C-alpha atoms as a PDB file:
ATOM      1  CA  MET A   1      14.117 -45.646  34.111  1.00  0.00           C
ATOM      2  CA  ILE A   2      15.631 -48.614  35.509  1.00  0.00           C
ATOM      3  CA  SER A   3      19.228 -48.108  36.745  1.00  0.00           C
ATOM      4  CA  HIS A   4      20.099 -51.785  37.407  1.00  0.00           C
ATOM      5  CA  LEU A   5      18.617 -54.979  38.702  1.00  0.00           C
ATOM      6  CA  THR A   6      20.699 -56.711  41.736  1.00  0.00           C
ATOM      7  CA  LEU A   7      20.773 -60.525  42.562  1.00  0.00           C
ATOM      8  CA  GLY A   8      22.321 -61.753  45.884  1.00  0.00           C
ATOM      9  CA  THR A   9      24.868 -64.674  45.769  1.00  0.00           C
ATOM     10  CA  ASN A  10      26.979 -66.517  48.735  1.00  0.00           C
ATOM     11  CA  ASN A  11      29.930 -67.184  46.728  1.00  0.00           C
ATOM     12  CA  LEU A  12      30.752 -64.276  44.018  1.00  0.00           C
ATOM     13  CA  GLU A  13      33.538 -66.031  42.686  1.00  0.00           C
ATOM     14  CA  LEU A  14      31.361 -68.640  41.564  1.00  0.00           C
ATOM     15  CA  ALA A  15      28.488 -66.410  40.411  1.00  0.00           C
ATOM     16  CA  ILE A  16      30.931 -64.461  38.712  1.00  0.00           C
ATOM     17  CA  LYS A  17      32.047 -67.782  36.565  1.00  0.00           C
ATOM     18  CA  TYR A  18      28.636 -68.799  36.053  1.00  0.00           C
ATOM     19  CA  TYR A  19      27.486 -65.022  34.839  1.00  0.00           C
ATOM     20  CA  ASP A  20      30.356 -64.507  32.787  1.00  0.00           C
ATOM     21  CA  GLN A  21      29.878 -67.474  30.783  1.00  0.00           C
ATOM     22  CA  LEU A  22      25.594 -67.528  30.604  1.00  0.00           C
ATOM     23  CA  LEU A  23      25.635 -63.351  29.777  1.00  0.00           C
ATOM     24  CA  LYS A  24      28.200 -63.767  27.182  1.00  0.00           C
ATOM     25  CA  LEU A  25      25.397 -65.185  25.125  1.00  0.00           C
ATOM     26  CA  PHE A  26      23.612 -61.820  25.608  1.00  0.00           C
ATOM     27  CA  GLY A  27      26.967 -59.634  24.781  1.00  0.00           C
ATOM     28  CA  ALA A  28      26.841 -58.715  28.397  1.00  0.00           C
ATOM     29  CA  LYS A  29      30.278 -57.838  29.718  1.00  0.00           C
ATOM     30  CA  GLN A  30      31.650 -56.916  32.944  1.00  0.00           C
ATOM     31  CA  ILE A  31      32.052 -53.402  33.697  1.00  0.00           C
ATOM     32  CA  ALA A  32      32.983 -53.244  37.507  1.00  0.00           C
ATOM     33  CA  LYS A  33      33.978 -55.295  39.961  1.00  0.00           C
ATOM     34  CA  THR A  34      34.972 -55.501  43.615  1.00  0.00           C
ATOM     35  CA  ASP A  35      35.176 -58.403  46.362  1.00  0.00           C
ATOM     36  CA  GLN A  36      31.551 -57.540  47.106  1.00  0.00           C
ATOM     37  CA  VAL A  37      29.791 -56.890  43.785  1.00  0.00           C
ATOM     38  CA  VAL A  38      30.109 -57.344  40.220  1.00  0.00           C
ATOM     39  CA  PHE A  39      27.995 -55.154  37.282  1.00  0.00           C
ATOM     40  CA  TYR A  40      27.325 -56.491  33.833  1.00  0.00           C
ATOM     41  CA  ALA A  41      26.479 -54.025  31.290  1.00  0.00           C
ATOM     42  CA  PHE A  42      24.258 -55.327  28.243  1.00  0.00           C
ATOM     43  CA  VAL A  43      24.544 -54.246  24.347  1.00  0.00           C
ATOM     44  CA  ASP A  44      21.894 -51.366  23.496  1.00  0.00           C
ATOM     45  CA  SER A  45      21.291 -51.071  27.173  1.00  0.00           C
ATOM     46  CA  SER A  46      21.600 -48.870  29.858  1.00  0.00           C
ATOM     47  CA  THR A  47      20.139 -50.837  32.446  1.00  0.00           C
ATOM     48  CA  LYS A  48      22.882 -53.124  34.281  1.00  0.00           C
ATOM     49  CA  LEU A  49      22.797 -56.283  36.212  1.00  0.00           C
ATOM     50  CA  ALA A  50      24.848 -55.909  39.630  1.00  0.00           C
ATOM     51  CA  ILE A  51      25.660 -59.791  41.560  1.00  0.00           C
ATOM     52  CA  THR A  52      26.228 -59.100  44.810  1.00  0.00           C
ATOM     53  CA  LYS A  53      27.184 -60.298  48.516  1.00  0.00           C
ATOM     54  CA  PRO A  54      24.693 -59.065  51.173  1.00  0.00           C
ATOM     55  CA  TYR A  55      25.932 -55.968  52.081  1.00  0.00           C
ATOM     56  CA  ASP A  56      23.998 -56.600  55.765  1.00  0.00           C
ATOM     57  CA  GLY A  57      26.372 -60.079  56.130  1.00  0.00           C
ATOM     58  CA  HIS A  58      23.359 -62.162  56.025  1.00  0.00           C
ATOM     59  CA  VAL A  59      22.853 -65.081  53.780  1.00  0.00           C
ATOM     60  CA  ALA A  60      21.519 -64.151  50.536  1.00  0.00           C
ATOM     61  CA  THR A  61      18.258 -65.787  49.519  1.00  0.00           C
ATOM     62  CA  SER A  62      15.714 -66.042  46.544  1.00  0.00           C
ATOM     63  CA  GLY A  63      12.682 -64.072  46.721  1.00  0.00           C
ATOM     64  CA  ASN A  64       9.499 -65.703  46.014  1.00  0.00           C
ATOM     65  CA  GLY A  65       8.135 -63.966  42.931  1.00  0.00           C
ATOM     66  CA  THR A  66      11.263 -62.452  41.730  1.00  0.00           C
ATOM     67  CA  MET A  67      13.021 -63.175  38.507  1.00  0.00           C
ATOM     68  CA  LEU A  68      15.322 -62.168  35.866  1.00  0.00           C
ATOM     69  CA  ALA A  69      14.129 -61.692  32.443  1.00  0.00           C
ATOM     70  CA  LEU A  70      16.591 -61.718  29.557  1.00  0.00           C
ATOM     71  CA  LYS A  71      15.667 -61.454  25.805  1.00  0.00           C
ATOM     72  CA  ALA A  72      16.777 -63.496  23.497  1.00  0.00           C
ATOM     73  CA  PRO A  73      17.627 -62.462  19.823  1.00  0.00           C
ATOM     74  CA  ASN A  74      15.909 -65.898  18.300  1.00  0.00           C
ATOM     75  CA  GLU A  75      14.132 -69.234  19.521  1.00  0.00           C
ATOM     76  CA  GLN A  76      17.482 -71.139  19.179  1.00  0.00           C
ATOM     77  CA  HIS A  77      19.319 -68.688  21.691  1.00  0.00           C
ATOM     78  CA  VAL A  78      16.743 -69.704  24.178  1.00  0.00           C
ATOM     79  CA  TYR A  79      17.589 -73.454  23.878  1.00  0.00           C
ATOM     80  CA  GLU A  80      21.533 -72.407  24.068  1.00  0.00           C
ATOM     81  CA  ALA A  81      20.923 -70.706  27.494  1.00  0.00           C
ATOM     82  CA  TYR A  82      18.915 -73.279  28.762  1.00  0.00           C
ATOM     83  CA  ASN A  83      21.791 -75.762  27.782  1.00  0.00           C
ATOM     84  CA  LEU A  84      24.515 -73.817  29.067  1.00  0.00           C
ATOM     85  CA  ALA A  85      22.699 -72.779  32.184  1.00  0.00           C
ATOM     86  CA  ILE A  86      22.309 -76.304  32.694  1.00  0.00           C
ATOM     87  CA  ASN A  87      25.545 -77.465  32.206  1.00  0.00           C
ATOM     88  CA  LEU A  88      26.845 -74.567  34.621  1.00  0.00           C
ATOM     89  CA  GLY A  89      24.516 -75.971  37.349  1.00  0.00           C
ATOM     90  CA  SER A  90      21.199 -74.422  37.565  1.00  0.00           C
ATOM     91  CA  GLU A  91      18.101 -75.979  38.364  1.00  0.00           C
ATOM     92  CA  CYS A  92      15.532 -76.470  35.504  1.00  0.00           C
ATOM     93  CA  GLU A  93      12.124 -74.567  36.401  1.00  0.00           C
ATOM     94  CA  GLY A  94      10.590 -75.008  32.852  1.00  0.00           C
ATOM     95  CA  GLN A  95      12.362 -76.700  29.735  1.00  0.00           C
ATOM     96  CA  PRO A  96      12.622 -74.600  26.580  1.00  0.00           C
ATOM     97  CA  GLY A  97       9.087 -74.524  24.787  1.00  0.00           C
ATOM     98  CA  LEU A  98       6.572 -72.262  23.475  1.00  0.00           C
ATOM     99  CA  ARG A  99       4.265 -70.683  26.027  1.00  0.00           C
ATOM    100  CA  ASP A 100       0.969 -68.918  26.171  1.00  0.00           C
ATOM    101  CA  ASN A 101      -0.288 -70.513  23.166  1.00  0.00           C
ATOM    102  CA  GLY A 102       2.649 -70.199  21.022  1.00  0.00           C
ATOM    103  CA  ALA A 103       2.937 -66.230  21.609  1.00  0.00           C
ATOM    104  CA  TYR A 104       6.710 -66.608  22.798  1.00  0.00           C
ATOM    105  CA  THR A 105       9.427 -69.289  23.379  1.00  0.00           C
ATOM    106  CA  ALA A 106      11.171 -69.493  26.632  1.00  0.00           C
ATOM    107  CA  THR A 107      12.774 -71.454  29.499  1.00  0.00           C
ATOM    108  CA  TYR A 108      13.041 -70.612  33.074  1.00  0.00           C
ATOM    109  CA  PHE A 109      15.934 -71.907  35.631  1.00  0.00           C
ATOM    110  CA  ARG A 110      17.484 -70.801  38.985  1.00  0.00           C
ATOM    111  CA  ASP A 111      21.338 -69.795  39.185  1.00  0.00           C
ATOM    112  CA  LEU A 112      23.463 -71.406  41.778  1.00  0.00           C
ATOM    113  CA  ASP A 113      21.731 -69.208  44.958  1.00  0.00           C
ATOM    114  CA  GLY A 114      18.458 -70.389  43.394  1.00  0.00           C
ATOM    115  CA  ASN A 115      17.546 -67.061  41.855  1.00  0.00           C
ATOM    116  CA  LYS A 116      14.743 -67.508  39.056  1.00  0.00           C
ATOM    117  CA  LEU A 117      15.696 -66.440  35.548  1.00  0.00           C
ATOM    118  CA  VAL A 118      13.637 -66.651  32.443  1.00  0.00           C
ATOM    119  CA  VAL A 119      15.227 -66.610  28.799  1.00  0.00           C
ATOM    120  CA  PHE A 120      12.089 -65.878  26.345  1.00  0.00           C
ATOM    121  CA  TYR A 121      12.331 -65.064  22.902  1.00  0.00           C
ATOM    122  CA  ARG A 122       8.742 -63.402  20.963  1.00  0.00           C
ATOM    123  CA  PRO A 123       8.776 -62.718  17.495  1.00  0.00           C
ATOM    124  CA  ASP A 124       8.097 -59.291  16.346  1.00  0.00           C
ATOM    125  CA  LYS A 125       4.496 -59.277  14.836  1.00  0.00           C
END
C-alpha cells in the first residue's frame, strides 16, 4: 500500500497556494503543515500527497519519467483542471483531449517547480 507521494518545491508558500487551488477540484484538503512540508488527503483514498522543500537543502528538481496522475470524476473535470493549472502558472505538456484511440481523456502539465502532472478520466466499461 502506498502511504504518500512526495513532490519537491523551491518555494513552499507559492506551492501551497498552487496546490490548495488545484487539489480543491479533487476534494483534497491540507491535513498537516510545517515550514518544510504540507500534506494533502484525498476523499476516499488513504494515499496522501506531500509537497516539500528538500531536506538536504539542495534545489528541488523534477524527475525525468516521474509523474503524478490525478483521476478526474468526469471528462469536463479534465478541462477544468487544465484551465485552472494554466491560470495558476503551469506549463502545458499536452492539452486536454482523447488519448489512446479514445480510451481516456487526459491533460498534462507541469507545476511551478516543473513536476509533471496528468489529470485523466477513463469511463467505466
